[in-house]
Amino acid sequence: MSKPTRRERIHNLDVTLWVGKHGIDAVVDELNDQLQERDFVKVKFHRAARAETDTDELAEQLAARVNASVVETRGHTGVFER
């Protein structure tokens, strides 16, 4: 059996962090911790967090706060790596 590709690994990830009405400030520490333990972290941005912005912009802001990169955004979900 071959090793899963990066794309397959990202696709099969479960969401482990949710951004809600308290915004990205509320999840910075948790994302930082998860990125120390995992290669990738999938984050869901709920409607309350996206009030006046979009997922791409929120993902970039969050990535900058934890010194990470946005691997991809799809719908209301972003995947981060360090």
PDB file of N, CA and C in Angstrom:
ATOM      1  N   MET A   1       0.838  -1.183   0.000  1.00  0.00           N
ATOM      2  CA  MET A   1       0.000   0.000   0.000  1.00  0.00           C
ATOM      3  C   MET A   1       0.882   1.245   0.000  1.00  0.00           C
ATOM      4  N   SER A   2       0.572   2.187  -0.868  1.00  0.00           N
ATOM      5  CA  SER A   2       1.404   3.380  -0.982  1.00  0.00           C
ATOM      6  C   SER A   2       1.034   4.421   0.066  1.00  0.00           C
ATOM      7  N   LYS A   3       1.987   5.269   0.344  1.00  0.00           N
ATOM      8  CA  LYS A   3       1.787   6.345   1.312  1.00  0.00           C
ATOM      9  C   LYS A   3       0.814   7.369   0.709  1.00  0.00           C
ATOM     10  N   PRO A   4      -0.160   7.867   1.497  1.00  0.00           N
ATOM     11  CA  PRO A   4      -1.109   8.847   0.962  1.00  0.00           C
ATOM     12  C   PRO A   4      -0.398  10.126   0.518  1.00  0.00           C
ATOM     13  N   THR A   5      -0.890  10.717  -0.549  1.00  0.00           N
ATOM     14  CA  THR A   5      -0.326  11.973  -1.014  1.00  0.00           C
ATOM     15  C   THR A   5      -0.714  13.091  -0.060  1.00  0.00           C
ATOM     16  N   ARG A   6      -0.034  14.196  -0.193  1.00  0.00           N
ATOM     17  CA  ARG A   6      -0.354  15.370   0.634  1.00  0.00           C
ATOM     18  C   ARG A   6      -1.817  15.754   0.441  1.00  0.00           C
ATOM     19  N   ARG A   7      -2.274  15.768  -0.778  1.00  0.00           N
ATOM     20  CA  ARG A   7      -3.664  16.137  -1.085  1.00  0.00           C
ATOM     21  C   ARG A   7      -4.654  15.175  -0.418  1.00  0.00           C
ATOM     22  N   GLU A   8      -4.353  13.884  -0.451  1.00  0.00           N
ATOM     23  CA  GLU A   8      -5.221  12.893   0.192  1.00  0.00           C
ATOM     24  C   GLU A   8      -5.237  13.081   1.705  1.00  0.00           C
ATOM     25  N   ARG A   9      -4.069  13.358   2.272  1.00  0.00           N
ATOM     26  CA  ARG A   9      -3.996  13.575   3.717  1.00  0.00           C
ATOM     27  C   ARG A   9      -4.842  14.772   4.135  1.00  0.00           C
ATOM     28  N   ILE A  10      -4.767  15.848   3.364  1.00  0.00           N
ATOM     29  CA  ILE A  10      -5.539  17.049   3.671  1.00  0.00           C
ATOM     30  C   ILE A  10      -7.032  16.767   3.526  1.00  0.00           C
ATOM     31  N   HIS A  11      -7.395  16.102   2.457  1.00  0.00           N
ATOM     32  CA  HIS A  11      -8.805  15.805   2.202  1.00  0.00           C
ATOM     33  C   HIS A  11      -9.408  14.961   3.331  1.00  0.00           C
ATOM     34  N   ASN A  12      -8.652  14.031   3.863  1.00  0.00           N
ATOM     35  CA  ASN A  12      -9.152  13.115   4.883  1.00  0.00           C
ATOM     36  C   ASN A  12      -9.085  13.659   6.307  1.00  0.00           C
ATOM     37  N   LEU A  13      -8.577  14.862   6.476  1.00  0.00           N
ATOM     38  CA  LEU A  13      -8.504  15.457   7.811  1.00  0.00           C
ATOM     39  C   LEU A  13      -9.886  15.763   8.363  1.00  0.00           C
ATOM     40  N   ASP A  14     -10.019  15.600   9.658  1.00  0.00           N
ATOM     41  CA  ASP A  14     -11.224  16.058  10.346  1.00  0.00           C
ATOM     42  C   ASP A  14     -10.983  17.476  10.843  1.00  0.00           C
ATOM     43  N   VAL A  15     -12.038  18.257  10.928  1.00  0.00           N
ATOM     44  CA  VAL A  15     -11.939  19.590  11.523  1.00  0.00           C
ATOM     45  C   VAL A  15     -11.657  19.414  13.011  1.00  0.00           C
ATOM     46  N   THR A  16     -10.613  20.089  13.505  1.00  0.00           N
ATOM     47  CA  THR A  16     -10.271  19.979  14.924  1.00  0.00           C
ATOM     48  C   THR A  16     -10.357  21.315  15.637  1.00  0.00           C
ATOM     49  N   LEU A  17     -10.712  22.380  14.890  1.00  0.00           N
ATOM     50  CA  LEU A  17     -10.793  23.706  15.487  1.00  0.00           C
ATOM     51  C   LEU A  17     -11.904  24.490  14.789  1.00  0.00           C
ATOM     52  N   TRP A  18     -12.730  25.163  15.587  1.00  0.00           N
ATOM     53  CA  TRP A  18     -13.845  25.927  15.047  1.00  0.00           C
ATOM     54  C   TRP A  18     -13.705  27.371  15.474  1.00  0.00           C
ATOM     55  N   VAL A  19     -13.866  28.301  14.521  1.00  0.00           N
ATOM     56  CA  VAL A  19     -13.835  29.728  14.815  1.00  0.00           C
ATOM     57  C   VAL A  19     -15.277  30.216  14.803  1.00  0.00           C
ATOM     58  N   GLY A  20     -15.702  30.786  15.924  1.00  0.00           N
ATOM     59  CA  GLY A  20     -17.084  31.231  16.055  1.00  0.00           C
ATOM     60  C   GLY A  20     -17.187  32.718  16.284  1.00  0.00           C
ATOM     61  N   LYS A  21     -18.200  33.115  17.051  1.00  0.00           N
ATOM     62  CA  LYS A  21     -18.507  34.526  17.231  1.00  0.00           C
ATOM     63  C   LYS A  21     -17.417  35.318  17.951  1.00  0.00           C
ATOM     64  N   HIS A  22     -16.525  34.636  18.647  1.00  0.00           N
ATOM     65  CA  HIS A  22     -15.437  35.334  19.336  1.00  0.00           C
ATOM     66  C   HIS A  22     -14.240  35.577  18.419  1.00  0.00           C
ATOM     67  N   GLY A  23     -14.316  35.105  17.193  1.00  0.00           N
ATOM     68  CA  GLY A  23     -13.296  35.394  16.190  1.00  0.00           C
ATOM     69  C   GLY A  23     -11.998  34.624  16.359  1.00  0.00           C
ATOM     70  N   ILE A  24     -11.009  35.043  15.575  1.00  0.00           N
ATOM     71  CA  ILE A  24      -9.745  34.306  15.548  1.00  0.00           C
ATOM     72  C   ILE A  24      -8.931  34.472  16.825  1.00  0.00           C
ATOM     73  N   ASP A  25      -9.127  35.590  17.536  1.00  0.00           N
ATOM     74  CA  ASP A  25      -8.380  35.795  18.785  1.00  0.00           C
ATOM     75  C   ASP A  25      -8.592  34.649  19.760  1.00  0.00           C
ATOM     76  N   ALA A  26      -9.790  34.088  19.750  1.00  0.00           N
ATOM     77  CA  ALA A  26     -10.149  33.036  20.707  1.00  0.00           C
ATOM     78  C   ALA A  26      -9.486  31.692  20.402  1.00  0.00           C
ATOM     79  N   VAL A  27      -8.939  31.516  19.197  1.00  0.00           N
ATOM     80  CA  VAL A  27      -8.390  30.204  18.829  1.00  0.00           C
ATOM     81  C   VAL A  27      -6.894  30.209  18.534  1.00  0.00           C
ATOM     82  N   VAL A  28      -6.254  31.347  18.639  1.00  0.00           N
ATOM     83  CA  VAL A  28      -4.826  31.450  18.300  1.00  0.00           C
ATOM     84  C   VAL A  28      -3.985  30.456  19.101  1.00  0.00           C
ATOM     85  N   ASP A  29      -4.157  30.427  20.413  1.00  0.00           N
ATOM     86  CA  ASP A  29      -3.340  29.539  21.249  1.00  0.00           C
ATOM     87  C   ASP A  29      -3.587  28.074  20.919  1.00  0.00           C
ATOM     88  N   GLU A  30      -4.856  27.719  20.725  1.00  0.00           N
ATOM     89  CA  GLU A  30      -5.186  26.322  20.423  1.00  0.00           C
ATOM     90  C   GLU A  30      -4.614  25.901  19.072  1.00  0.00           C
ATOM     91  N   LEU A  31      -4.703  26.764  18.072  1.00  0.00           N
ATOM     92  CA  LEU A  31      -4.134  26.429  16.763  1.00  0.00           C
ATOM     93  C   LEU A  31      -2.624  26.271  16.876  1.00  0.00           C
ATOM     94  N   ASN A  32      -2.002  27.146  17.612  1.00  0.00           N
ATOM     95  CA  ASN A  32      -0.557  27.059  17.830  1.00  0.00           C
ATOM     96  C   ASN A  32      -0.189  25.707  18.440  1.00  0.00           C
ATOM     97  N   ASP A  33      -0.929  25.282  19.458  1.00  0.00           N
ATOM     98  CA  ASP A  33      -0.680  23.986  20.103  1.00  0.00           C
ATOM     99  C   ASP A  33      -0.876  22.834  19.116  1.00  0.00           C
ATOM    100  N   GLN A  34      -1.957  22.876  18.356  1.00  0.00           N
ATOM    101  CA  GLN A  34      -2.237  21.792  17.416  1.00  0.00           C
ATOM    102  C   GLN A  34      -1.182  21.706  16.315  1.00  0.00           C
ATOM    103  N   LEU A  35      -0.685  22.844  15.867  1.00  0.00           N
ATOM    104  CA  LEU A  35       0.348  22.826  14.815  1.00  0.00           C
ATOM    105  C   LEU A  35       1.670  22.265  15.318  1.00  0.00           C
ATOM    106  N   GLN A  36       1.885  22.299  16.618  1.00  0.00           N
ATOM    107  CA  GLN A  36       3.096  21.692  17.181  1.00  0.00           C
ATOM    108  C   GLN A  36       2.991  20.178  17.192  1.00  0.00           C
ATOM    109  N   GLU A  37       1.759  19.653  17.207  1.00  0.00           N
ATOM    110  CA  GLU A  37       1.530  18.217  17.298  1.00  0.00           C
ATOM    111  C   GLU A  37       1.207  17.551  15.963  1.00  0.00           C
ATOM    112  N   ARG A  38       0.751  18.330  14.983  1.00  0.00           N
ATOM    113  CA  ARG A  38       0.283  17.769  13.718  1.00  0.00           C
ATOM    114  C   ARG A  38       0.932  18.482  12.536  1.00  0.00           C
ATOM    115  N   ASP A  39       0.962  17.801  11.402  1.00  0.00           N
ATOM    116  CA  ASP A  39       1.462  18.424  10.173  1.00  0.00           C
ATOM    117  C   ASP A  39       0.472  19.448   9.640  1.00  0.00           C
ATOM    118  N   PHE A  40      -0.815  19.094   9.683  1.00  0.00           N
ATOM    119  CA  PHE A  40      -1.876  19.951   9.160  1.00  0.00           C
ATOM    120  C   PHE A  40      -2.991  20.071  10.191  1.00  0.00           C
ATOM    121  N   VAL A  41      -3.653  21.226  10.202  1.00  0.00           N
ATOM    122  CA  VAL A  41      -4.811  21.436  11.057  1.00  0.00           C
ATOM    123  C   VAL A  41      -5.925  22.021  10.189  1.00  0.00           C
ATOM    124  N   LYS A  42      -7.107  21.414  10.282  1.00  0.00           N
ATOM    125  CA  LYS A  42      -8.269  21.893   9.527  1.00  0.00           C
ATOM    126  C   LYS A  42      -9.158  22.701  10.465  1.00  0.00           C
ATOM    127  N   VAL A  43      -9.496  23.922  10.007  1.00  0.00           N
ATOM    128  CA  VAL A  43     -10.264  24.871  10.812  1.00  0.00           C
ATOM    129  C   VAL A  43     -11.537  25.242  10.073  1.00  0.00           C
ATOM    130  N   LYS A  44     -12.657  25.225  10.793  1.00  0.00           N
ATOM    131  CA  LYS A  44     -13.957  25.617  10.227  1.00  0.00           C
ATOM    132  C   LYS A  44     -14.290  27.017  10.724  1.00  0.00           C
ATOM    133  N   PHE A  45     -14.644  27.909   9.804  1.00  0.00           N
ATOM    134  CA  PHE A  45     -15.030  29.275  10.140  1.00  0.00           C
ATOM    135  C   PHE A  45     -16.555  29.379  10.080  1.00  0.00           C
ATOM    136  N   HIS A  46     -17.186  29.481  11.249  1.00  0.00           N
ATOM    137  CA  HIS A  46     -18.646  29.586  11.299  1.00  0.00           C
ATOM    138  C   HIS A  46     -19.117  30.959  10.823  1.00  0.00           C
ATOM    139  N   ARG A  47     -20.371  31.028  10.486  1.00  0.00           N
ATOM    140  CA  ARG A  47     -20.978  32.256   9.947  1.00  0.00           C
ATOM    141  C   ARG A  47     -20.716  33.460  10.850  1.00  0.00           C
ATOM    142  N   ALA A  48     -20.823  33.274  12.159  1.00  0.00           N
ATOM    143  CA  ALA A  48     -20.622  34.386  13.086  1.00  0.00           C
ATOM    144  C   ALA A  48     -19.211  34.964  12.990  1.00  0.00           C
ATOM    145  N   ALA A  49     -18.233  34.143  12.673  1.00  0.00           N
ATOM    146  CA  ALA A  49     -16.849  34.604  12.545  1.00  0.00           C
ATOM    147  C   ALA A  49     -16.634  35.337  11.222  1.00  0.00           C
ATOM    148  N   ARG A  50     -17.417  34.984  10.215  1.00  0.00           N
ATOM    149  CA  ARG A  50     -17.232  35.549   8.875  1.00  0.00           C
ATOM    150  C   ARG A  50     -18.072  36.796   8.637  1.00  0.00           C
ATOM    151  N   ALA A  51     -18.637  37.371   9.660  1.00  0.00           N
ATOM    152  CA  ALA A  51     -19.611  38.462   9.559  1.00  0.00           C
ATOM    153  C   ALA A  51     -19.382  39.417   8.384  1.00  0.00           C
ATOM    154  N   GLU A  52     -18.235  40.061   8.329  1.00  0.00           N
ATOM    155  CA  GLU A  52     -17.995  41.059   7.285  1.00  0.00           C
ATOM    156  C   GLU A  52     -16.780  40.725   6.429  1.00  0.00           C
ATOM    157  N   THR A  53     -16.362  39.487   6.442  1.00  0.00           N
ATOM    158  CA  THR A  53     -15.181  39.103   5.673  1.00  0.00           C
ATOM    159  C   THR A  53     -15.404  37.719   5.098  1.00  0.00           C
ATOM    160  N   ASP A  54     -14.416  37.196   4.383  1.00  0.00           N
ATOM    161  CA  ASP A  54     -14.569  35.854   3.822  1.00  0.00           C
ATOM    162  C   ASP A  54     -13.546  34.904   4.428  1.00  0.00           C
ATOM    163  N   THR A  55     -13.713  33.657   4.122  1.00  0.00           N
ATOM    164  CA  THR A  55     -12.869  32.609   4.698  1.00  0.00           C
ATOM    165  C   THR A  55     -11.401  32.811   4.339  1.00  0.00           C
ATOM    166  N   ASP A  56     -11.110  33.154   3.094  1.00  0.00           N
ATOM    167  CA  ASP A  56      -9.714  33.346   2.677  1.00  0.00           C
ATOM    168  C   ASP A  56      -9.016  34.412   3.518  1.00  0.00           C
ATOM    169  N   GLU A  57      -9.702  35.523   3.707  1.00  0.00           N
ATOM    170  CA  GLU A  57      -9.111  36.618   4.475  1.00  0.00           C
ATOM    171  C   GLU A  57      -8.912  36.228   5.936  1.00  0.00           C
ATOM    172  N   LEU A  58      -9.918  35.592   6.537  1.00  0.00           N
ATOM    173  CA  LEU A  58      -9.791  35.142   7.927  1.00  0.00           C
ATOM    174  C   LEU A  58      -8.665  34.130   8.079  1.00  0.00           C
ATOM    175  N   ALA A  59      -8.559  33.202   7.136  1.00  0.00           N
ATOM    176  CA  ALA A  59      -7.507  32.186   7.196  1.00  0.00           C
ATOM    177  C   ALA A  59      -6.123  32.832   7.135  1.00  0.00           C
ATOM    178  N   GLU A  60      -5.951  33.816   6.263  1.00  0.00           N
ATOM    179  CA  GLU A  60      -4.657  34.504   6.161  1.00  0.00           C
ATOM    180  C   GLU A  60      -4.330  35.254   7.448  1.00  0.00           C
ATOM    181  N   GLN A  61      -5.319  35.894   8.031  1.00  0.00           N
ATOM    182  CA  GLN A  61      -5.108  36.611   9.299  1.00  0.00           C
ATOM    183  C   GLN A  61      -4.710  35.641  10.407  1.00  0.00           C
ATOM    184  N   LEU A  62      -5.399  34.513  10.474  1.00  0.00           N
ATOM    185  CA  LEU A  62      -5.105  33.520  11.506  1.00  0.00           C
ATOM    186  C   LEU A  62      -3.722  32.916  11.297  1.00  0.00           C
ATOM    187  N   ALA A  63      -3.377  32.626  10.069  1.00  0.00           N
ATOM    188  CA  ALA A  63      -2.052  32.065   9.765  1.00  0.00           C
ATOM    189  C   ALA A  63      -0.946  33.025  10.188  1.00  0.00           C
ATOM    190  N   ALA A  64      -1.130  34.298   9.936  1.00  0.00           N
ATOM    191  CA  ALA A  64      -0.127  35.297  10.318  1.00  0.00           C
ATOM    192  C   ALA A  64       0.050  35.344  11.831  1.00  0.00           C
ATOM    193  N   ARG A  65      -1.023  35.146  12.567  1.00  0.00           N
ATOM    194  CA  ARG A  65      -0.961  35.195  14.032  1.00  0.00           C
ATOM    195  C   ARG A  65      -0.184  34.029  14.633  1.00  0.00           C
ATOM    196  N   VAL A  66      -0.132  32.892  13.931  1.00  0.00           N
ATOM    197  CA  VAL A  66       0.540  31.713  14.482  1.00  0.00           C
ATOM    198  C   VAL A  66       1.778  31.310  13.676  1.00  0.00           C
ATOM    199  N   ASN A  67       2.187  32.200  12.771  1.00  0.00           N
ATOM    200  CA  ASN A  67       3.373  31.940  11.941  1.00  0.00           C
ATOM    201  C   ASN A  67       3.226  30.630  11.166  1.00  0.00           C
ATOM    202  N   ALA A  68       2.100  30.484  10.491  1.00  0.00           N
ATOM    203  CA  ALA A  68       1.807  29.277   9.709  1.00  0.00           C
ATOM    204  C   ALA A  68       1.462  29.687   8.283  1.00  0.00           C
ATOM    205  N   SER A  69       1.194  28.693   7.462  1.00  0.00           N
ATOM    206  CA  SER A  69       0.779  28.919   6.084  1.00  0.00           C
ATOM    207  C   SER A  69      -0.603  28.323   5.879  1.00  0.00           C
ATOM    208  N   VAL A  70      -1.363  28.966   5.011  1.00  0.00           N
ATOM    209  CA  VAL A  70      -2.647  28.420   4.609  1.00  0.00           C
ATOM    210  C   VAL A  70      -2.381  27.489   3.427  1.00  0.00           C
ATOM    211  N   VAL A  71      -2.657  26.213   3.610  1.00  0.00           N
ATOM    212  CA  VAL A  71      -2.451  25.230   2.544  1.00  0.00           C
ATOM    213  C   VAL A  71      -3.559  25.368   1.514  1.00  0.00           C
ATOM    214  N   GLU A  72      -4.800  25.461   1.999  1.00  0.00           N
ATOM    215  CA  GLU A  72      -5.937  25.657   1.105  1.00  0.00           C
ATOM    216  C   GLU A  72      -7.135  26.131   1.902  1.00  0.00           C
ATOM    217  N   THR A  73      -8.056  26.774   1.202  1.00  0.00           N
ATOM    218  CA  THR A  73      -9.369  27.052   1.769  1.00  0.00           C
ATOM    219  C   THR A  73     -10.380  26.489   0.789  1.00  0.00           C
ATOM    220  N   ARG A  74     -11.421  25.948   1.352  1.00  0.00           N
ATOM    221  CA  ARG A  74     -12.505  25.394   0.547  1.00  0.00           C
ATOM    222  C   ARG A  74     -13.794  25.598   1.320  1.00  0.00           C
ATOM    223  N   GLY A  75     -14.726  26.294   0.705  1.00  0.00           N
ATOM    224  CA  GLY A  75     -15.963  26.605   1.416  1.00  0.00           C
ATOM    225  C   GLY A  75     -15.658  27.473   2.614  1.00  0.00           C
ATOM    226  N   HIS A  76     -16.025  27.018   3.783  1.00  0.00           N
ATOM    227  CA  HIS A  76     -15.792  27.770   5.015  1.00  0.00           C
ATOM    228  C   HIS A  76     -14.732  27.103   5.880  1.00  0.00           C
ATOM    229  N   THR A  77     -13.856  26.349   5.238  1.00  0.00           N
ATOM    230  CA  THR A  77     -12.824  25.593   5.939  1.00  0.00           C
ATOM    231  C   THR A  77     -11.445  25.962   5.404  1.00  0.00           C
ATOM    232  N   GLY A  78     -10.472  26.031   6.315  1.00  0.00           N
ATOM    233  CA  GLY A  78      -9.092  26.275   5.927  1.00  0.00           C
ATOM    234  C   GLY A  78      -8.189  25.214   6.526  1.00  0.00           C
ATOM    235  N   VAL A  79      -7.101  24.925   5.807  1.00  0.00           N
ATOM    236  CA  VAL A  79      -6.110  23.969   6.288  1.00  0.00           C
ATOM    237  C   VAL A  79      -4.791  24.715   6.460  1.00  0.00           C
ATOM    238  N   PHE A  80      -4.172  24.516   7.618  1.00  0.00           N
ATOM    239  CA  PHE A  80      -2.949  25.235   7.981  1.00  0.00           C
ATOM    240  C   PHE A  80      -1.798  24.255   8.190  1.00  0.00           C
ATOM    241  N   GLU A  81      -0.579  24.749   7.938  1.00  0.00           N
ATOM    242  CA  GLU A  81       0.631  23.968   8.229  1.00  0.00           C
ATOM    243  C   GLU A  81       1.731  24.931   8.627  1.00  0.00           C
ATOM    244  N   ARG A  82       2.740  24.379   9.274  1.00  0.00           N
ATOM    245  CA  ARG A  82       3.930  25.166   9.620  1.00  0.00           C
ATOM    246  C   ARG A  82       5.082  24.745   8.802  1.00  0.00           C
TER     247      ARG A  82
END
